[in-house]
Protein backbone atom coordinates (compact mmCIF):
# COMPACT_ATOMS: atom_id res chain seq x y z
CA MET A 1 -45.39 -14.21 27.03
CA PRO A 2 -46.20 -12.85 23.61
CA ASP A 3 -46.02 -8.96 22.71
CA ASN A 4 -49.62 -9.16 21.67
CA CYS A 5 -52.16 -9.34 24.65
CA PRO A 6 -55.17 -11.02 23.50
CA GLN A 7 -57.60 -9.26 21.63
CA PRO A 8 -61.60 -8.78 22.04
CA THR A 9 -63.40 -9.01 18.65
CA GLN A 10 -64.13 -5.51 17.84
CA LEU A 11 -65.52 -3.13 14.82
CA ILE A 12 -63.10 -1.32 12.56
CA ALA A 13 -64.10 1.41 10.00
CA CYS A 14 -61.88 1.10 6.47
CA GLU A 15 -60.36 4.65 5.96
CA GLU A 16 -59.85 3.96 2.46
CA CYS A 17 -63.68 3.04 1.76
CA GLY A 18 -65.83 3.42 5.46
CA LEU A 19 -67.37 0.13 5.37
CA VAL A 20 -67.17 -1.04 9.23
CA SER A 21 -65.96 -4.48 9.60
CA GLN A 22 -65.49 -7.00 12.38
CA ILE A 23 -62.13 -8.05 13.28
CA PRO A 24 -61.60 -11.26 15.24
CA GLN A 25 -58.36 -11.63 17.37
CA LEU A 26 -55.30 -11.47 15.20
CA ASP A 27 -52.30 -14.06 16.10
CA GLU A 28 -49.04 -12.89 15.20
CA GLY A 29 -48.03 -12.69 11.34
CA GLN A 30 -52.11 -12.43 10.74
CA VAL A 31 -53.11 -9.82 8.52
CA ALA A 32 -56.84 -8.07 8.52
CA LYS A 33 -58.05 -6.49 5.47
CA CYS A 34 -61.40 -4.91 4.19
CA PRO A 35 -64.00 -7.37 2.52
CA ARG A 36 -64.64 -4.56 -0.06
CA CYS A 37 -61.35 -2.78 -1.09
CA SER A 38 -58.81 -4.74 0.13
CA HIS A 39 -57.05 -1.90 2.07
CA THR A 40 -55.03 -3.41 5.19
CA LEU A 41 -56.88 -2.83 8.84
CA SER A 42 -54.46 -4.41 10.80
CA SER A 43 -51.45 -6.25 10.71
CA ILE A 44 -48.64 -7.90 13.79
CA SER A 45 -45.62 -9.40 13.30
CA ILE A 46 -43.89 -12.25 14.62
CA ALA A 47 -42.77 -10.61 17.91
CA PRO A 48 -43.69 -7.07 17.39
CA CYS A 49 -42.50 -5.53 20.09
CA GLN A 50 -39.19 -6.86 19.76
CA THR A 51 -38.71 -6.70 15.74
CA LEU A 52 -39.32 -3.10 15.99
CA ILE A 53 -37.31 -2.49 18.64
CA ALA A 54 -34.20 -4.25 17.51
CA TYR A 55 -34.90 -2.64 13.50
CA SER A 56 -35.33 0.98 15.05
CA THR A 57 -31.64 0.82 16.88
CA ALA A 58 -30.14 -0.34 14.48
CA CYS A 59 -31.39 2.19 12.44
CA LEU A 60 -30.15 4.66 14.84
CA MET A 61 -26.65 3.31 15.11
CA MET A 62 -27.20 3.89 10.99
CA LEU A 63 -27.93 7.06 10.71
CA ALA A 64 -25.17 8.15 13.70
CA ILE A 65 -22.59 6.61 11.73
CA SER A 66 -23.52 8.32 8.26
CA LEU A 67 -23.24 11.68 10.00
CA LEU A 68 -19.97 11.20 11.44
CA PHE A 69 -18.01 9.90 8.79
CA PRO A 70 -16.95 11.27 5.28
CA PHE A 71 -20.09 10.99 2.83
CA MET A 72 -18.45 11.57 -0.55
CA SER A 73 -15.72 13.26 -2.06
CA PHE A 74 -15.38 14.68 -5.61
CA SER A 75 -12.03 14.98 -7.20
CA VAL A 76 -11.25 16.11 -10.98
CA LYS A 77 -7.72 17.74 -11.53
CA GLY A 78 -5.96 17.06 -8.84
CA ILE A 79 -8.37 19.23 -6.53
CA THR A 80 -10.28 16.92 -4.23
CA GLN A 81 -13.59 18.31 -2.28
CA GLU A 82 -14.78 15.83 0.51
CA ILE A 83 -18.45 16.17 1.83
CA PHE A 84 -19.94 15.08 4.93
CA LEU A 85 -23.95 14.13 4.97
CA ILE A 86 -25.36 17.29 7.05
CA ASN A 87 -23.07 19.50 4.43
CA THR A 88 -26.02 18.78 2.44
CA VAL A 89 -28.33 20.90 4.28
CA ALA A 90 -25.78 23.58 4.99
CA MET A 91 -24.74 24.24 1.17
CA LEU A 92 -28.36 24.90 0.41
CA ASP A 93 -29.10 27.77 3.25
CA ALA A 94 -25.62 29.04 2.21
CA PHE A 95 -27.06 29.43 -0.85
CA GLU A 96 -30.19 31.28 0.23
CA GLN A 97 -32.22 28.19 0.00
CA SER A 98 -33.03 27.87 3.50
CA ALA A 99 -36.52 26.56 2.64
CA LEU A 100 -34.98 23.69 0.99
CA ALA A 101 -32.36 23.06 3.16
CA LEU A 102 -35.38 22.58 5.87
CA LEU A 103 -36.80 20.47 3.92
CA LEU A 104 -34.17 18.50 3.45
CA LEU A 105 -33.03 18.24 7.22
CA LEU A 106 -36.59 17.39 8.16
CA THR A 107 -37.78 14.42 5.70
CA VAL A 108 -34.09 13.11 6.02
CA LEU A 109 -32.63 13.44 8.97
CA ALA A 110 -34.66 14.91 11.83
CA LEU A 111 -38.14 13.77 11.22
CA PRO A 112 -37.08 9.79 10.84
CA ALA A 113 -34.64 10.37 14.01
CA LEU A 114 -37.83 11.30 15.70
CA TYR A 115 -40.10 8.62 14.26
CA LEU A 116 -37.89 5.94 15.71
CA VAL A 117 -37.24 7.65 18.61
CA ILE A 118 -40.75 7.37 19.47
CA VAL A 119 -42.14 4.22 18.03
CA THR A 120 -38.86 3.01 20.10
CA TYR A 121 -40.21 4.66 23.36
CA LEU A 122 -43.84 3.72 22.42
CA TYR A 123 -43.31 -0.43 21.56
CA PHE A 124 -40.83 -0.57 25.07
CA ARG A 125 -43.57 0.37 26.85
CA ILE A 126 -46.06 -1.75 25.47
CA TRP A 127 -43.52 -4.25 25.70
CA GLN A 128 -42.44 -4.07 29.49
CA GLN A 129 -46.11 -3.57 30.77
CA THR A 130 -47.99 -6.48 29.06
CA SER A 131 -44.75 -8.91 29.61
CA LYS A 132 -46.19 -8.25 33.36
CA GLY A 133 -49.33 -8.62 32.81
CA LYS A 134 -50.71 -5.12 33.82
CA LEU A 135 -52.44 -2.58 31.80
CA ILE A 136 -51.01 0.43 30.30
CA LYS A 137 -51.98 3.53 31.91
CA PRO A 138 -51.26 5.85 28.99
CA SER A 139 -50.09 9.45 30.17
CA SER A 140 -50.91 12.35 28.01
CA ARG A 141 -47.33 12.97 26.91
CA LEU A 142 -47.96 9.47 25.71
CA LEU A 143 -50.90 10.10 23.57
CA VAL A 144 -49.68 12.89 22.23
CA LEU A 145 -46.28 10.67 20.93
CA CYS A 146 -48.76 8.32 19.67
CA LYS A 147 -50.63 10.96 17.59
CA SER A 148 -47.66 12.94 16.43
CA ILE A 149 -45.79 9.62 14.84
CA PHE A 150 -48.95 9.17 12.37
CA ARG A 151 -48.82 12.77 11.22
CA PHE A 152 -45.69 12.89 9.86
CA GLU A 153 -45.38 9.42 8.81
CA PRO A 154 -45.85 9.96 5.20
CA TRP A 155 -43.20 12.86 4.78
CA LEU A 156 -40.01 10.53 5.74
CA MET A 157 -38.15 10.20 2.68
CA ALA A 158 -34.61 9.07 3.06
CA ASP A 159 -35.33 6.22 0.96
CA VAL A 160 -36.34 8.73 -2.21
CA PHE A 161 -32.97 10.32 -0.97
CA LEU A 162 -30.58 7.85 -1.31
CA ILE A 163 -32.03 7.58 -5.07
CA GLY A 164 -31.53 11.26 -5.90
CA VAL A 165 -27.51 10.38 -4.22
CA LEU A 166 -27.15 7.34 -6.99
CA VAL A 167 -28.76 9.76 -9.62
CA SER A 168 -26.23 12.37 -8.49
CA LEU A 169 -23.19 9.92 -9.08
CA ILE A 170 -24.13 8.74 -12.46
CA LYS A 171 -24.49 13.01 -13.36
CA ILE A 172 -21.35 13.48 -12.53
CA SER A 173 -18.84 10.06 -12.74
CA SER A 174 -18.10 11.39 -16.33
CA MET A 175 -16.63 14.51 -15.04
CA ALA A 176 -14.44 13.54 -11.82
CA ASP A 177 -13.58 10.66 -9.93
CA ILE A 178 -16.05 9.86 -6.94
CA GLY A 179 -14.96 8.09 -4.01
CA LEU A 180 -17.84 6.87 -1.41
CA GLY A 181 -16.65 7.08 2.34
CA TYR A 182 -17.93 4.95 4.78
CA SER A 183 -21.10 7.22 5.61
CA PHE A 184 -22.60 6.43 2.05
CA TRP A 185 -22.62 2.61 3.19
CA ALA A 186 -24.16 3.67 6.55
CA PHE A 187 -26.94 5.52 5.05
CA CYS A 188 -27.96 2.47 2.36
CA ALA A 189 -28.41 0.02 5.64
CA TYR A 190 -30.37 3.29 7.15
CA THR A 191 -32.35 3.70 4.53
CA VAL A 192 -33.00 0.08 4.20
CA LEU A 193 -33.37 -0.63 8.04
CA VAL A 194 -35.98 2.83 8.31
CA VAL A 195 -38.39 1.71 5.40
CA LYS A 196 -38.81 -1.90 7.11
CA ALA A 197 -39.22 -0.12 10.37
CA ILE A 198 -42.04 1.89 9.26
CA SER A 199 -43.47 -0.84 7.67
CA LEU A 200 -43.76 -3.07 11.38
CA VAL A 201 -46.19 -0.13 12.67
CA ASP A 202 -49.71 -0.53 12.83
CA ARG A 203 -51.58 2.30 14.16
CA PHE A 204 -54.86 -0.49 15.13
CA TRP A 205 -52.59 -2.50 16.85
CA VAL A 206 -50.39 0.24 18.91
CA TRP A 207 -53.41 2.32 19.75
CA ASN A 208 -55.69 -1.29 21.13
CA GLN A 209 -52.32 -1.85 23.30
CA LEU A 210 -52.53 1.79 24.40
CA LEU A 211 -55.95 2.08 25.05
CA PRO A 212 -58.74 -0.64 24.56
CA ASN A 213 -61.16 -0.35 21.77
CA LYS A 214 -64.57 0.87 23.22
CA PRO A 215 -67.76 -1.17 22.10
CA MET A 216 -70.27 1.32 20.28
CA THR A 217 -73.82 0.51 20.66
CA GLY A 218 -76.04 1.06 17.18
CA VAL A 219 -72.63 0.41 14.91
CA VAL A 220 -72.68 -3.16 13.27
CA ALA A 221 -70.64 -4.84 10.46
CA GLY A 222 -71.82 -3.87 7.08
CA GLN A 223 -72.38 -0.06 7.76
CA ASP A 224 -70.09 2.31 6.32
CA HIS A 225 -69.88 6.60 6.09
CA LEU A 226 -72.77 7.03 4.71
CA SER A 227 -75.25 5.27 7.55
CA VAL A 228 -74.92 8.32 9.30
CA ASN A 229 -74.45 6.29 12.77
CA HIS A 230 -71.04 7.02 13.72
CA VAL A 231 -67.90 8.91 13.17
CA ASP A 232 -64.15 6.91 12.78
CA CYS A 233 -61.76 8.80 14.46
CA HIS A 234 -58.57 9.03 12.15
CA GLN A 235 -55.58 9.00 14.57
CA CYS A 236 -57.10 5.73 16.64
CA HIS A 237 -59.92 3.94 14.17
CA GLN A 238 -62.35 4.17 17.29
CA ILE A 239 -65.85 4.07 16.09
CA ASN A 240 -67.59 6.97 17.96
CA LEU A 241 -71.15 8.15 17.87
CA MET A 242 -72.45 11.22 15.49
CA SER A 243 -73.33 12.92 18.57
CA GLU A 244 -69.77 12.91 19.64
CA ALA A 245 -67.53 15.90 18.88
CA SER A 246 -64.30 14.58 20.38
CA CYS A 247 -63.01 10.89 20.30
CA ASN A 248 -63.77 8.97 23.33
CA ARG A 249 -60.30 7.34 23.21
CA CYS A 250 -57.75 9.35 21.85
CA GLY A 251 -59.57 12.83 22.71
CA SER A 252 -58.98 13.94 18.95
CA LYS A 253 -61.85 16.36 17.31
CA LEU A 254 -63.73 13.95 15.19
CA HIS A 255 -64.76 15.29 11.28
CA PRO A 256 -67.92 13.98 10.08
CA TYR A 257 -68.03 12.54 6.48
CA ASP A 258 -68.19 16.16 4.27
CA LEU A 259 -67.48 15.25 0.71
CA ASN A 260 -67.52 19.03 -0.33
CA THR A 261 -65.08 19.97 2.20
CA SER A 262 -62.81 17.43 1.73
CA LEU A 263 -62.72 18.22 -2.57
CA GLN A 264 -62.51 21.88 -1.31
CA LYS A 265 -59.16 21.18 -0.19
CA SER A 266 -57.96 19.07 -2.37
CA TRP A 267 -58.99 21.16 -5.37
CA ALA A 268 -57.17 23.76 -3.63
CA TYR A 269 -53.87 22.41 -3.02
CA LEU A 270 -53.90 20.98 -6.56
CA ILE A 271 -54.55 24.07 -8.24
CA ALA A 272 -52.16 25.88 -6.61
CA ALA A 273 -49.69 22.91 -7.38
CA VAL A 274 -50.24 23.66 -11.24
CA ILE A 275 -49.68 27.13 -10.63
CA PHE A 276 -46.27 26.64 -9.36
CA TYR A 277 -45.52 23.45 -11.99
CA PHE A 278 -44.71 26.10 -14.40
CA PRO A 279 -42.43 28.27 -12.99
CA ALA A 280 -40.76 24.72 -11.79
CA ASN A 281 -40.27 23.58 -15.42
CA LEU A 282 -39.44 27.05 -17.37
CA TYR A 283 -36.84 28.15 -14.66
CA PRO A 284 -33.52 26.56 -13.95
CA ILE A 285 -33.30 24.07 -11.66
CA MET A 286 -29.70 24.51 -11.23
CA TYR A 287 -26.78 26.33 -12.40
CA THR A 288 -22.93 24.71 -13.42
CA THR A 289 -19.83 26.78 -13.45
CA SER A 290 -17.20 25.50 -15.70
CA LEU A 291 -14.28 27.28 -16.47
CA GLY A 292 -15.47 30.69 -15.58
CA SER A 293 -18.50 29.89 -17.76
CA GLU A 294 -21.82 29.85 -16.02
CA THR A 295 -24.73 26.95 -18.14
CA PRO A 296 -28.50 26.82 -17.07
CA SER A 297 -30.24 23.91 -16.63
CA THR A 298 -33.91 23.20 -16.58
CA ILE A 299 -35.25 19.88 -15.47
CA MET A 300 -36.04 18.86 -19.16
CA GLY A 301 -32.63 19.80 -20.05
CA GLY A 302 -30.82 17.71 -17.52
CA VAL A 303 -32.88 14.93 -19.38
CA VAL A 304 -31.79 15.65 -22.85
CA LEU A 305 -28.09 16.03 -21.34
CA LEU A 306 -28.10 12.71 -19.54
CA TRP A 307 -29.53 11.23 -22.76
CA GLN A 308 -27.17 12.75 -25.03
CA LEU A 309 -24.58 11.27 -22.94
CA GLY A 310 -25.63 7.71 -23.24
CA SER A 311 -27.15 7.33 -19.96
CA TYR A 312 -30.42 6.20 -20.97
CA PRO A 313 -31.82 4.28 -17.47
CA ILE A 314 -31.05 7.58 -15.52
CA ALA A 315 -32.41 10.04 -17.80
CA LEU A 316 -35.38 7.82 -18.11
CA VAL A 317 -35.45 7.75 -14.04
CA ILE A 318 -35.05 11.42 -14.10
CA PHE A 319 -38.19 12.13 -16.95
CA ILE A 320 -40.41 9.59 -14.97
CA ALA A 321 -39.36 11.11 -11.58
CA SER A 322 -39.72 14.51 -12.36
CA VAL A 323 -41.77 15.49 -15.49
CA PHE A 324 -44.13 12.39 -15.87
CA ILE A 325 -45.05 11.76 -12.58
CA PRO A 326 -45.93 15.24 -11.50
CA MET A 327 -48.07 16.01 -14.40
CA ALA A 328 -49.94 12.58 -14.22
CA LYS A 329 -50.61 12.73 -10.81
CA MET A 330 -52.10 15.93 -10.97
CA LEU A 331 -54.40 14.42 -13.82
CA ALA A 332 -55.16 11.79 -11.87
CA LEU A 333 -56.05 13.31 -9.07
CA ALA A 334 -58.07 16.23 -11.39
CA TRP A 335 -60.01 13.21 -12.71
CA ILE A 336 -60.67 11.69 -9.60
CA TYR A 337 -62.14 15.08 -8.06
CA TRP A 338 -64.53 15.33 -10.79
CA ASN A 339 -65.70 12.14 -10.83
CA ALA A 340 -66.22 12.13 -6.88
CA LYS A 341 -68.96 15.11 -7.40
CA ARG A 342 -70.91 13.18 -10.17
CA PRO A 343 -74.26 11.64 -9.61
CA LYS A 344 -74.01 8.37 -11.39
CA PRO A 345 -73.56 5.44 -9.46
CA TYR A 346 -70.41 3.77 -8.67
CA LEU A 347 -70.48 0.02 -9.60
CA TYR A 348 -68.20 -2.17 -7.59
CA SER A 349 -65.41 -2.72 -10.23
CA ARG A 350 -65.49 1.05 -11.02
CA ALA A 351 -64.64 1.57 -7.75
CA ILE A 352 -61.95 -0.09 -7.32
CA LYS A 353 -60.26 0.65 -10.27
CA ARG A 354 -60.39 4.66 -8.71
CA GLN A 355 -59.69 3.19 -5.05
CA LYS A 356 -56.25 1.62 -6.88
CA LEU A 357 -55.52 4.90 -9.07
CA TYR A 358 -55.92 6.93 -5.61
CA ARG A 359 -53.28 4.96 -3.96
CA VAL A 360 -50.86 4.31 -6.62
CA THR A 361 -51.04 8.56 -6.91
CA GLU A 362 -50.63 8.76 -3.45
CA PHE A 363 -47.29 6.47 -3.02
CA ILE A 364 -46.16 7.68 -6.21
CA GLY A 365 -46.12 11.55 -5.16
CA ARG A 366 -43.30 11.72 -2.56
CA TRP A 367 -40.82 10.30 -5.26
CA SER A 368 -40.75 13.18 -7.59
CA MET A 369 -38.67 14.69 -4.79
CA ILE A 370 -35.60 12.95 -6.40
CA ASP A 371 -34.45 16.43 -8.31
CA ILE A 372 -34.65 18.16 -5.56
CA PHE A 373 -32.42 15.94 -3.70
CA VAL A 374 -30.24 15.84 -6.72
CA VAL A 375 -29.76 19.37 -6.72
CA ALA A 376 -28.85 19.48 -3.08
CA ILE A 377 -26.01 16.29 -3.61
CA LEU A 378 -24.71 18.35 -6.43
CA VAL A 379 -24.71 21.49 -4.67
CA ALA A 380 -22.50 20.25 -1.67
CA LEU A 381 -20.19 18.44 -3.47
CA VAL A 382 -19.42 20.04 -6.78
CA GLN A 383 -17.67 23.60 -4.83
CA LEU A 384 -14.67 23.96 -6.44
CA HIS A 385 -14.60 27.85 -7.38
CA ASN A 386 -14.37 29.01 -10.87
CA LEU A 387 -13.39 25.34 -12.11
CA MET A 388 -16.66 23.74 -11.87
CA ALA A 389 -19.40 24.63 -9.20
CA ILE A 390 -23.14 23.44 -8.79
CA THR A 391 -25.63 26.25 -7.76
CA PRO A 392 -29.61 25.88 -6.97
CA GLY A 393 -31.97 27.45 -9.54
CA PRO A 394 -35.09 29.74 -8.91
CA ALA A 395 -36.86 26.06 -10.02
CA SER A 396 -35.77 24.23 -7.52
CA LEU A 397 -38.14 26.01 -5.11
CA SER A 398 -41.31 25.70 -6.78
CA PHE A 399 -40.66 22.23 -7.74
CA ALA A 400 -40.49 21.25 -4.39
CA ALA A 401 -43.71 23.52 -3.87
CA VAL A 402 -45.10 21.28 -6.68
CA VAL A 403 -44.15 17.72 -4.56
CA ILE A 404 -45.77 18.97 -1.42
CA LEU A 405 -48.90 20.44 -2.87
CA THR A 406 -49.74 17.68 -4.30
CA MET A 407 -49.43 15.40 -1.52
CA LEU A 408 -50.93 17.76 0.95
CA SER A 409 -54.14 17.53 -2.01
CA ALA A 410 -53.99 13.75 -2.15
CA ILE A 411 -53.74 13.72 1.65
CA SER A 412 -56.91 15.96 2.28
CA PHE A 413 -59.16 14.04 0.03
CA ASP A 414 -61.38 11.38 0.95
CA SER A 415 -61.16 8.68 -0.62
CA ARG A 416 -64.53 7.27 1.33
CA SER A 417 -66.30 9.91 -1.46
CA ILE A 418 -65.46 6.70 -3.71
CA TRP A 419 -67.55 4.60 -2.55
CA SER A 420 -70.68 6.75 -1.93
CA ASN A 421 -73.13 5.13 -3.63
CA GLY A 422 -74.87 2.04 -1.90
CA SER A 423 -74.75 0.34 -4.98
CA ALA A 424 -71.27 -0.65 -5.09
CA PHE A 425 -71.58 -2.10 -1.46
CA LYS A 426 -74.08 -4.25 -2.93
CA GLU A 427 -72.22 -5.54 -5.48
CA CYS A 428 -69.52 -6.03 -3.27
CA ASN A 429 -71.27 -8.78 -1.29
CA THR A 430 -72.15 -10.22 -4.91
CA HIS A 431 -68.89 -9.98 -5.99
CA GLU A 432 -66.77 -12.15 -3.12
């Protein structure tokens, strides 16, 4: 029997533009996209349960191996420093950067592992029940687990950390001999597998296996968030009536469309990010001690140094990820928020461009964390006392705050406000 039991034709509201669409029964390997903004509404992989369980199990095995063996070594003038992956967390905490240590532990190790364990459990339960042809009777614990995995999914940064490791290797390869342990290669495999596992998880499909989507009278395909007759649950995508205070499927608190509240939160996070952006670039992000002499290094100073050493690609990567992207993202978000309140009607072509820009800013924001992970690796690896040592600077915490706040700003923004005029939908119908 296939993993996915037959699904009746049902309605789903696009979380990006708010358009209510009717989804037919999807077969394995099929994808349903919003007819207005092309956002993926639901996708079912081939043998979804077996595939996800296989990837997540392999991923957890690679994570365990990456923690058990030496990660890499640093050798200069006969002195060798060897570290394990967990040392990157311990060293940051030793230098009184507990907030950064906790951030690294959660985003790279703890949350990805917890995410994989939970989705493996959920998919195993679905596989177990559907193979017997019985409906799942979800407990309150099962519903809590399902809600939790999608809340911290944006904060899984194993792939960003791996790029930070590669940048760190290039930064110090000219100063010493670098050795890569078994843990490093296991972590590379872990990163690839975790990215693949996350891409296989479909929220709409998972919730439909746990609790079937309940039909709502009075709501039809073609309506959107401006119809003022329904509320879409952001947790399980169940469409509810306006009179409901909580979702009638998962029990989550419902939040009717409110542009002003969304913009206030988004602007607050963005302004806070701008404030932290100045100390993040003005103060040293790390200090390098060589033969007793300490040299501070700012983000831009590190880019200039790499450029002078001839590492042009790496200098460009650091500049784009740590300087250009945060500034460009803040400007782009400010422009989107400013235009969200303008009374000028949105044409379809204008709305879709702003939607794409918002998607790009939301996607690339997490990659600015590369510089923080570079500091974490260098601090853990280069500790040869007065001969050579690297310690974190005050800018590291400010820069991490910039990245987190811009991510929170983008997450809290309701992108449906981009489609706040009905003319956008009318033109979309003729545009298809």
